């Protein structure tokens, strides 16, 4: 009797050493597109907020020839960085929402995401540099780039608990694998800083560092594969993190690629100055504790109307979005508070108006539709989840046969044919290219799947 244990198949066993037909040199790898790129995305409203924010976002969109939704998301993040930790919306008896947000600009390469982030946050960087040279005011870090969990807690502790994380490399989406030793700690830090719950960590040299009232705003740029690997992955902490993020998405239905002009207008100086003055007013305001923002009767009526519209859908068409959709009512209150701070000179002295809450609700509906594209609620959710699973298996490979791919994924697919719609979807969206390998000597041919190098680059 043979008692030798059979070792499970892994991708290290994949039959990729044999000669395979190269991808033709003339073939240009296509850009990766979201797996649910077929859904048409709505335009964000033109009258979405107060003039300093609204006009600047529109001017940035025209100057960089990028979608308005991307610039609105980026400007909204900059506004949140200026207001966070200083005000909180009283949305009910004993219930309040802080003003920090997590936002992500999600688009394929070539959509000028970096220009969007640069325009929206240029003044924040200038303001931080200016404050650094005024030690009499007591310098506090305003913004940071991608940080490990322990370092982020330290920055929050040194900055009165308020900081903005701005990353054009995907931020947590792109760097989580670097912090694998931290387990789920990185997600816990982000979640607690989003909610304003205390965060703490041990110093490397001993002792503890903590931020009792943290307020973290994130502005990330990412290609679609990065957030989708979180949304459709199996790590519940990663999925929960994704549910905190507002997404502005570019897909095949709204891309400006191929439609741009050789020249574009500059951002008018007057509009830039108005935007910077509005940010400076909030940045210079540093109360000892967060001030309460009350809702007017009209704002409360608008909030209730949005809640009543959203709630029945959570167990129906929005069920695939899970926690993302259930957080949207609270997120709309946060957006309303931010818009209010840039509408009133003394935000705590006036209640939030019905118009401001209506604008926030309109933005909420737009962000909802963009999230549906990434979550796959508009298509076959299971197929998209399966595709994300397959991408995790092939990331890092140049090629793999269909047979070896099925052997690596058979814990998820009962039969090889079950993978057919998944492979077809990945080929249609540029992730894989399928060719036939014909070995010499009349042996049986096999199908080889070449992996788009961008899958590994965006891993």
Protein backbone atom coordinates (compact mmCIF):
# COMPACT_ATOMS: atom_id res chain seq x y z
CA UNK A 1 0.00 0.00 0.00
CA UNK A 2 1.36 3.38 -0.96
CA UNK A 3 1.28 5.68 2.07
CA UNK A 4 3.02 8.62 0.44
CA UNK A 5 1.12 11.85 1.04
CA UNK A 6 -0.01 13.77 -2.00
CA UNK A 7 1.20 17.36 -1.90
CA UNK A 8 -1.46 19.94 -2.88
CA UNK A 9 -0.95 21.57 -6.25
CA UNK A 10 0.34 25.16 -6.18
CA UNK A 11 1.17 27.65 -8.90
CA UNK A 12 4.83 26.80 -8.38
CA UNK A 13 3.98 23.51 -10.10
CA UNK A 14 2.44 25.25 -13.11
CA UNK A 15 3.65 23.89 -16.40
CA UNK A 16 5.12 27.16 -17.63
CA UNK A 17 8.66 25.95 -18.28
CA UNK A 18 7.81 24.37 -21.63
CA UNK A 19 8.14 26.39 -24.77
CA UNK A 20 5.04 28.46 -25.43
CA UNK A 21 4.18 30.78 -28.27
CA UNK A 22 5.30 34.29 -27.40
CA UNK A 23 2.86 37.13 -27.38
CA UNK A 24 3.44 38.85 -30.74
CA UNK A 25 5.85 41.74 -30.35
CA UNK A 26 3.54 43.94 -32.37
CA UNK A 27 0.73 43.33 -29.92
CA UNK A 28 0.27 46.15 -27.45
CA UNK A 29 -1.10 45.14 -24.10
CA UNK A 30 -4.49 46.79 -23.57
CA UNK A 31 -5.18 49.03 -20.61
CA UNK A 32 -6.96 47.28 -17.77
CA UNK A 33 -10.60 48.32 -17.44
CA UNK A 34 -12.98 47.66 -14.53
CA UNK A 35 -14.57 44.24 -14.76
CA UNK A 36 -17.99 45.91 -14.79
CA UNK A 37 -17.02 48.66 -17.21
CA UNK A 38 -20.21 48.38 -19.20
CA UNK A 39 -22.40 50.42 -16.86
CA UNK A 40 -22.92 54.06 -17.76
CA UNK A 41 -21.89 56.39 -14.97
CA UNK A 42 -23.84 59.49 -14.04
CA UNK A 43 -22.40 62.98 -14.19
CA UNK A 44 -21.88 64.72 -10.88
CA UNK A 45 -24.08 67.82 -10.49
CA UNK A 46 -22.55 71.15 -11.49
CA UNK A 47 -24.05 73.00 -8.50
CA UNK A 48 -22.70 70.53 -5.94
CA UNK A 49 -21.30 72.91 -3.34
CA UNK A 50 -20.27 76.45 -2.33
CA UNK A 51 -18.57 78.57 -4.97
CA UNK A 52 -14.93 78.37 -3.74
CA UNK A 53 -14.97 74.57 -3.95
CA UNK A 54 -17.32 74.21 -6.92
CA UNK A 55 -15.59 76.73 -9.16
CA UNK A 56 -12.11 75.43 -8.39
CA UNK A 57 -13.05 71.81 -9.13
CA UNK A 58 -14.58 72.87 -12.45
CA UNK A 59 -11.51 74.94 -13.37
CA UNK A 60 -9.20 72.04 -12.50
CA UNK A 61 -11.26 69.67 -14.65
CA UNK A 62 -11.04 72.05 -17.62
CA UNK A 63 -7.33 72.72 -17.16
CA UNK A 64 -6.27 69.09 -16.76
CA UNK A 65 -8.94 67.79 -19.17
CA UNK A 66 -10.13 65.28 -16.59
CA UNK A 67 -13.59 64.23 -15.48
CA UNK A 68 -15.40 66.61 -13.11
CA UNK A 69 -16.22 63.72 -10.74
CA UNK A 70 -12.51 63.08 -10.10
CA UNK A 71 -11.85 66.74 -9.30
CA UNK A 72 -14.94 67.02 -7.11
CA UNK A 73 -13.80 64.03 -5.05
CA UNK A 74 -10.27 65.43 -4.69
CA UNK A 75 -11.44 68.95 -3.74
CA UNK A 76 -13.91 67.46 -1.27
CA UNK A 77 -11.04 65.54 0.35
CA UNK A 78 -8.96 68.71 0.64
CA UNK A 79 -11.92 70.49 2.22
CA UNK A 80 -12.35 67.61 4.68
CA UNK A 81 -8.69 67.85 5.69
CA UNK A 82 -9.20 71.54 6.51
CA UNK A 83 -12.39 70.96 8.53
CA UNK A 84 -11.87 67.57 10.16
CA UNK A 85 -11.68 67.36 13.92
CA UNK A 86 -13.03 70.90 14.29
CA UNK A 87 -16.74 70.31 13.77
CA UNK A 88 -19.22 67.44 14.01
CA UNK A 89 -22.75 67.18 12.63
CA UNK A 90 -25.45 66.52 15.21
CA UNK A 91 -27.57 64.13 13.19
CA UNK A 92 -29.86 62.97 15.99
CA UNK A 93 -30.21 62.56 19.72
CA UNK A 94 -26.77 61.50 20.95
CA UNK A 95 -25.61 60.80 17.39
CA UNK A 96 -22.99 62.81 15.56
CA UNK A 97 -20.85 62.48 12.46
CA UNK A 98 -17.30 63.87 12.24
CA UNK A 99 -16.17 65.59 9.04
CA UNK A 100 -13.37 63.34 7.83
CA UNK A 101 -13.76 61.22 4.69
CA UNK A 102 -11.99 58.44 2.79
CA UNK A 103 -12.05 59.07 -0.98
CA UNK A 104 -10.45 57.27 -3.91
CA UNK A 105 -9.99 58.37 -7.51
CA UNK A 106 -10.19 55.09 -9.42
CA UNK A 107 -9.22 55.03 -13.10
CA UNK A 108 -7.02 53.15 -15.57
CA UNK A 109 -3.58 54.46 -16.44
CA UNK A 110 -3.58 57.52 -18.67
CA UNK A 111 -6.54 59.27 -17.03
CA UNK A 112 -4.34 61.93 -15.36
CA UNK A 113 -5.17 60.95 -11.80
CA UNK A 114 -1.97 62.47 -10.46
CA UNK A 115 -2.82 65.86 -11.96
CA UNK A 116 -6.20 65.74 -10.21
CA UNK A 117 -4.61 65.09 -6.81
CA UNK A 118 -1.86 67.65 -7.39
CA UNK A 119 -4.26 70.48 -8.22
CA UNK A 120 -6.59 69.78 -5.29
CA UNK A 121 -3.86 69.48 -2.65
CA UNK A 122 -1.20 71.93 -3.86
CA UNK A 123 -2.24 74.60 -1.36
CA UNK A 124 -2.31 72.13 1.55
CA UNK A 125 1.33 71.32 0.87
CA UNK A 126 2.21 75.00 0.61
CA UNK A 127 0.37 75.75 3.86
CA UNK A 128 2.20 72.97 5.69
CA UNK A 129 5.57 74.28 4.47
CA UNK A 130 4.58 77.79 5.54
CA UNK A 131 3.62 76.59 9.03
CA UNK A 132 6.87 74.65 9.33
CA UNK A 133 8.75 77.95 9.20
CA UNK A 134 6.59 79.54 11.91
CA UNK A 135 7.69 77.65 15.04
CA UNK A 136 5.97 80.16 17.33
CA UNK A 137 2.61 78.68 16.28
CA UNK A 138 3.62 75.14 17.08
CA UNK A 139 4.01 73.09 13.91
CA UNK A 140 1.57 70.22 13.38
CA UNK A 141 1.73 67.79 10.48
CA UNK A 142 -1.14 68.47 8.10
CA UNK A 143 -0.69 65.80 5.43
CA UNK A 144 1.32 62.64 4.97
CA UNK A 145 1.92 59.95 2.39
CA UNK A 146 1.59 56.21 2.78
CA UNK A 147 2.63 55.13 6.30
CA UNK A 148 2.85 51.90 8.27
CA UNK A 149 0.20 51.60 11.03
CA UNK A 150 2.57 52.45 13.90
CA UNK A 151 3.94 55.48 12.08
CA UNK A 152 0.43 56.71 11.28
CA UNK A 153 -0.55 56.57 14.95
CA UNK A 154 2.60 58.55 15.83
CA UNK A 155 1.77 61.23 13.24
CA UNK A 156 -1.81 61.49 14.54
CA UNK A 157 -0.53 61.84 18.11
CA UNK A 158 1.81 64.69 17.10
CA UNK A 159 -0.85 66.51 15.05
CA UNK A 160 -3.68 66.96 17.55
CA UNK A 161 -5.17 63.82 16.10
CA UNK A 162 -5.84 65.41 12.68
CA UNK A 163 -4.02 64.49 9.48
CA UNK A 164 -4.70 63.89 5.80
CA UNK A 165 -3.19 60.89 4.01
CA UNK A 166 -2.68 61.68 0.32
CA UNK A 167 -1.24 58.97 -1.89
CA UNK A 168 -0.87 58.69 -5.64
CA UNK A 169 0.38 55.10 -5.36
CA UNK A 170 -2.83 53.50 -4.15
CA UNK A 171 -2.21 54.11 -0.46
CA UNK A 172 -3.53 51.26 1.62
CA UNK A 173 -4.76 49.51 -1.54
CA UNK A 174 -1.25 49.34 -2.95
CA UNK A 175 0.83 48.87 0.19
CA UNK A 176 -1.07 46.43 2.35
CA UNK A 177 1.17 43.55 1.30
CA UNK A 178 4.19 45.42 2.65
CA UNK A 179 2.59 45.44 6.09
CA UNK A 180 1.60 41.78 6.07
CA UNK A 181 3.38 41.20 9.40
CA UNK A 182 0.98 43.66 11.00
CA UNK A 183 -1.94 41.32 10.22
CA UNK A 184 -5.22 43.19 10.45
CA UNK A 185 -3.75 45.97 12.61
CA UNK A 186 -3.50 48.35 9.67
CA UNK A 187 -7.23 48.05 8.99
CA UNK A 188 -8.05 48.58 12.67
CA UNK A 189 -6.05 51.82 12.76
CA UNK A 190 -7.81 53.18 9.67
CA UNK A 191 -11.27 52.16 10.86
CA UNK A 192 -10.81 53.69 14.31
CA UNK A 193 -9.33 56.90 12.90
CA UNK A 194 -12.32 57.16 10.55
CA UNK A 195 -14.79 56.83 13.42
CA UNK A 196 -12.82 58.97 15.86
CA UNK A 197 -12.16 56.09 18.27
CA UNK A 198 -8.87 56.14 20.25
CA UNK A 199 -5.82 54.59 18.56
CA UNK A 200 -2.62 53.54 20.26
CA UNK A 201 0.55 51.63 19.54
CA UNK A 202 3.76 50.59 21.28
CA UNK A 203 6.87 52.63 20.61
CA UNK A 204 9.77 50.71 19.13
CA UNK A 205 11.97 51.82 22.02
CA UNK A 206 9.32 51.14 24.66
CA UNK A 207 6.32 53.06 25.92
CA UNK A 208 3.01 53.85 24.27
CA UNK A 209 1.90 56.52 21.83
CA UNK A 210 -1.78 57.29 21.37
CA UNK A 211 -4.30 59.65 19.78
CA UNK A 212 -7.47 59.79 21.91
CA UNK A 213 -9.57 61.67 19.33
CA UNK A 214 -8.14 60.90 15.86
CA UNK A 215 -9.54 62.28 12.63
CA UNK A 216 -8.08 60.90 9.41
CA UNK A 217 -9.02 61.88 5.86
CA UNK A 218 -7.67 59.86 2.93
CA UNK A 219 -7.33 60.79 -0.72
CA UNK A 220 -6.05 57.90 -2.81
CA UNK A 221 -5.57 57.28 -6.49
CA UNK A 222 -5.67 53.74 -7.79
CA UNK A 223 -6.20 51.61 -10.86
CA UNK A 224 -9.42 49.57 -10.63
CA UNK A 225 -7.72 46.28 -9.81
CA UNK A 226 -6.48 47.51 -6.41
CA UNK A 227 -9.79 48.40 -4.69
CA UNK A 228 -11.53 45.50 -6.43
CA UNK A 229 -9.07 43.04 -4.87
CA UNK A 230 -10.23 44.36 -1.47
CA UNK A 231 -13.92 44.53 -2.31
CA UNK A 232 -14.11 41.02 -3.74
CA UNK A 233 -11.41 39.43 -1.59
CA UNK A 234 -11.88 37.04 1.29
CA UNK A 235 -10.34 39.19 4.03
CA UNK A 236 -13.29 40.62 6.01
CA UNK A 237 -11.15 43.46 7.38
CA UNK A 238 -10.19 44.50 3.84
CA UNK A 239 -13.83 44.41 2.75
CA UNK A 240 -14.80 46.51 5.77
CA UNK A 241 -12.12 49.07 4.92
CA UNK A 242 -13.49 49.30 1.36
CA UNK A 243 -16.93 50.09 2.79
CA UNK A 244 -15.57 53.34 4.27
CA UNK A 245 -14.33 54.72 0.92
CA UNK A 246 -16.18 56.98 -1.52
CA UNK A 247 -15.16 56.14 -5.09
CA UNK A 248 -15.00 58.36 -8.18
CA UNK A 249 -14.59 55.97 -11.11
CA UNK A 250 -13.55 56.23 -14.74
CA UNK A 251 -14.65 53.43 -17.03
CA UNK A 252 -15.37 52.91 -20.72
CA UNK A 253 -18.63 54.86 -20.49
CA UNK A 254 -17.16 58.16 -19.30
CA UNK A 255 -13.45 58.21 -20.17
CA UNK A 256 -12.01 61.32 -21.81
CA UNK A 257 -9.14 59.35 -23.33
CA UNK A 258 -9.02 60.08 -27.06
CA UNK A 259 -11.14 63.22 -26.71
CA UNK A 260 -8.63 65.71 -25.30
CA UNK A 261 -7.30 68.82 -27.05
CA UNK A 262 -3.69 69.89 -27.52
CA UNK A 263 -4.23 72.99 -25.37
CA UNK A 264 -6.36 73.69 -22.31
CA UNK A 265 -7.11 76.82 -20.24
CA UNK A 266 -5.14 77.68 -17.14
CA UNK A 267 -6.89 77.77 -13.78
CA UNK A 268 -7.99 81.41 -13.35
CA UNK A 269 -6.00 83.17 -10.65
CA UNK A 270 -9.11 84.60 -9.01
CA UNK A 271 -10.69 81.14 -8.68
CA UNK A 272 -7.49 79.65 -7.25
CA UNK A 273 -7.16 82.50 -4.74
CA UNK A 274 -10.77 82.09 -3.58
CA UNK A 275 -10.20 78.35 -3.05
CA UNK A 276 -6.98 78.93 -1.14
CA UNK A 277 -8.55 81.63 1.04
CA UNK A 278 -11.43 79.31 1.93
CA UNK A 279 -9.02 76.51 2.88
CA UNK A 280 -6.81 78.88 4.89
CA UNK A 281 -9.76 80.15 6.92
CA UNK A 282 -10.58 76.61 8.07
CA UNK A 283 -6.95 75.57 8.50
CA UNK A 284 -6.24 78.57 10.73
CA UNK A 285 -9.24 77.76 12.93
CA UNK A 286 -8.10 75.42 15.72
CA UNK A 287 -10.70 75.04 18.46
CA UNK A 288 -9.91 73.13 21.64
CA UNK A 289 -12.67 70.64 20.83
CA UNK A 290 -15.02 69.90 17.95
CA UNK A 291 -17.89 72.36 17.57
CA UNK A 292 -21.44 71.09 17.01
CA UNK A 293 -23.15 71.72 13.68
CA UNK A 294 -26.94 71.56 13.99
CA UNK A 295 -29.44 70.72 11.25
CA UNK A 296 -32.15 73.18 10.27
CA UNK A 297 -35.69 71.83 9.94
CA UNK A 298 -35.30 71.75 6.16
CA UNK A 299 -31.97 69.91 6.44
CA UNK A 300 -33.47 67.36 8.82
CA UNK A 301 -36.38 66.80 6.45
CA UNK A 302 -33.94 66.29 3.57
CA UNK A 303 -31.81 63.90 5.64
CA UNK A 304 -34.86 61.86 6.60
CA UNK A 305 -36.03 61.74 3.00
CA UNK A 306 -32.65 60.42 1.84
CA UNK A 307 -32.63 57.83 4.64
CA UNK A 308 -36.14 56.65 3.76
CA UNK A 309 -35.14 56.36 0.09
CA UNK A 310 -31.99 54.36 0.88
CA UNK A 311 -33.07 52.06 3.70
CA UNK A 312 -35.52 49.79 1.80
CA UNK A 313 -32.86 49.16 -0.86
CA UNK A 314 -30.31 47.77 1.61
CA UNK A 315 -32.06 44.40 1.65
CA UNK A 316 -32.81 44.56 -2.08
CA UNK A 317 -30.85 45.98 -5.01
CA UNK A 318 -28.07 47.39 -2.78
CA UNK A 319 -27.50 44.15 -0.88
CA UNK A 320 -24.31 43.36 -2.90
CA UNK A 321 -22.75 46.58 -1.56
CA UNK A 322 -23.04 45.36 2.02
CA UNK A 323 -21.73 47.82 4.61
CA UNK A 324 -20.86 50.44 1.99
CA UNK A 325 -24.51 51.27 1.35
CA UNK A 326 -25.47 51.09 5.03
CA UNK A 327 -22.88 53.79 5.82
CA UNK A 328 -24.09 56.18 3.12
CA UNK A 329 -26.67 58.07 5.20
CA UNK A 330 -24.02 58.97 7.76
CA UNK A 331 -21.52 59.83 5.02
CA UNK A 332 -24.02 62.25 3.45
CA UNK A 333 -24.23 64.04 6.83
CA UNK A 334 -20.43 64.32 6.85
CA UNK A 335 -20.44 65.80 3.34
CA UNK A 336 -23.16 68.27 4.36
CA UNK A 337 -21.07 69.38 7.32
CA UNK A 338 -18.02 69.97 5.12
CA UNK A 339 -20.01 71.96 2.56
CA UNK A 340 -21.55 73.99 5.40
CA UNK A 341 -18.10 74.93 6.73
CA UNK A 342 -17.26 76.45 3.35
CA UNK A 343 -20.64 78.19 3.10
CA UNK A 344 -20.74 80.01 6.45
CA UNK A 345 -18.00 82.21 7.92
CA UNK A 346 -18.93 80.97 11.40
CA UNK A 347 -20.17 77.42 10.82
CA UNK A 348 -21.20 76.67 14.40
CA UNK A 349 -23.32 79.84 14.60
CA UNK A 350 -25.71 78.80 11.81
CA UNK A 351 -27.54 75.50 11.25
CA UNK A 352 -26.94 73.46 8.12
CA UNK A 353 -29.45 74.56 5.47
CA UNK A 354 -31.79 72.41 3.45
CA UNK A 355 -29.93 73.39 0.27
CA UNK A 356 -26.61 72.17 1.69
CA UNK A 357 -28.11 68.83 2.78
CA UNK A 358 -29.77 68.44 -0.64
CA UNK A 359 -26.42 69.01 -2.33
CA UNK A 360 -24.81 66.41 -0.07
CA UNK A 361 -27.58 63.90 -0.81
CA UNK A 362 -27.10 64.47 -4.55
CA UNK A 363 -23.39 63.74 -4.21
CA UNK A 364 -24.22 60.67 -2.15
CA UNK A 365 -26.37 59.27 -4.96
CA UNK A 366 -23.54 59.83 -7.45
CA UNK A 367 -20.96 58.14 -5.23
CA UNK A 368 -23.41 55.27 -4.82
CA UNK A 369 -23.57 54.62 -8.53
CA UNK A 370 -19.79 54.73 -8.85
CA UNK A 371 -19.45 52.25 -5.99
CA UNK A 372 -21.90 49.93 -7.75
CA UNK A 373 -19.47 49.64 -10.66
CA UNK A 374 -16.63 48.44 -8.43
CA UNK A 375 -18.84 46.22 -6.30
CA UNK A 376 -20.40 44.66 -9.37
CA UNK A 377 -23.95 45.29 -8.21
CA UNK A 378 -24.94 46.18 -11.75
CA UNK A 379 -23.61 42.92 -13.23
CA UNK A 380 -23.07 39.32 -12.24
CA UNK A 381 -21.50 39.77 -8.82
CA UNK A 382 -20.35 36.16 -8.47
CA UNK A 383 -18.50 36.22 -11.79
CA UNK A 384 -16.69 39.40 -10.83
CA UNK A 385 -15.75 37.97 -7.43
CA UNK A 386 -14.45 34.83 -9.16
CA UNK A 387 -12.45 36.99 -11.60
CA UNK A 388 -10.82 38.86 -8.71
CA UNK A 389 -9.94 35.50 -7.14
CA UNK A 390 -8.32 34.28 -10.38
CA UNK A 391 -6.34 37.52 -10.69
CA UNK A 392 -4.87 36.97 -7.24
CA UNK A 393 -3.72 33.52 -8.40
CA UNK A 394 -2.02 34.70 -11.60
CA UNK A 395 -0.47 37.94 -10.30
CA UNK A 396 3.31 37.57 -10.63
CA UNK A 397 3.13 35.08 -13.52
CA UNK A 398 3.84 35.74 -17.19
CA UNK A 399 1.74 32.84 -18.44
CA UNK A 400 -0.16 29.76 -17.31
CA UNK A 401 -2.05 26.99 -19.05
CA UNK A 402 -5.79 26.64 -18.59
CA UNK A 403 -5.18 23.23 -17.06
CA UNK A 404 -2.79 24.55 -14.42
CA UNK A 405 -5.01 27.52 -13.66
CA UNK A 406 -7.95 25.22 -12.99
CA UNK A 407 -5.80 22.99 -10.76
CA UNK A 408 -4.80 26.07 -8.76
CA UNK A 409 -8.40 27.27 -8.46
CA UNK A 410 -10.37 24.05 -8.14
CA UNK A 411 -11.22 24.74 -4.52
CA UNK A 412 -13.48 27.47 -5.96
CA UNK A 413 -14.61 25.90 -9.26
CA UNK A 414 -16.11 22.41 -9.30
CA UNK A 415 -15.55 21.92 -13.03
CA UNK A 416 -13.14 23.44 -15.52
CA UNK A 417 -16.09 24.70 -17.56
CA UNK A 418 -17.20 26.79 -14.57
CA UNK A 419 -14.17 29.01 -15.22
CA UNK A 420 -15.18 29.79 -18.81
CA UNK A 421 -17.21 33.00 -18.12
CA UNK A 422 -14.48 34.21 -15.75
CA UNK A 423 -11.69 33.74 -18.31
CA UNK A 424 -13.83 35.35 -20.98
CA UNK A 425 -14.46 38.37 -18.73
CA UNK A 426 -10.75 38.75 -17.94
CA UNK A 427 -9.82 38.51 -21.63
CA UNK A 428 -12.48 41.08 -22.61
CA UNK A 429 -11.12 43.57 -20.08
CA UNK A 430 -7.44 43.17 -20.97
CA UNK A 431 -6.21 41.11 -18.01
CA UNK A 432 -5.46 37.93 -19.99
CA UNK A 433 -4.65 37.02 -23.60
CA UNK A 434 -5.43 33.50 -24.75
CA UNK A 435 -3.33 31.57 -27.29
CA UNK A 436 -3.01 27.91 -28.32
CA UNK A 437 0.26 26.02 -27.78
CA UNK A 438 0.93 23.28 -30.32
CA UNK A 439 3.78 21.03 -29.06
CA UNK A 440 6.03 19.29 -31.63
CA UNK A 441 5.51 15.63 -32.44
CA UNK A 442 1.75 15.77 -32.80
CA UNK A 443 1.10 15.92 -29.08
CA UNK A 444 -2.14 17.32 -27.77
CA UNK A 445 -2.38 21.12 -27.94
CA UNK A 446 -3.11 23.23 -24.86
CA UNK A 447 -4.45 26.70 -24.23
CA UNK A 448 -2.01 29.20 -22.71
CA UNK A 449 -3.14 32.35 -20.91
CA UNK A 450 -0.68 35.25 -20.97
CA UNK A 451 -1.00 37.64 -18.04
CA UNK A 452 -1.03 41.38 -18.69
CA UNK A 453 2.10 42.78 -16.94
CA UNK A 454 -0.09 45.50 -15.40
CA UNK A 455 -1.71 42.85 -13.21
CA UNK A 456 1.64 42.27 -11.49
CA UNK A 457 2.56 45.97 -11.46
CA UNK A 458 -0.71 46.82 -9.73
CA UNK A 459 -0.53 43.90 -7.35
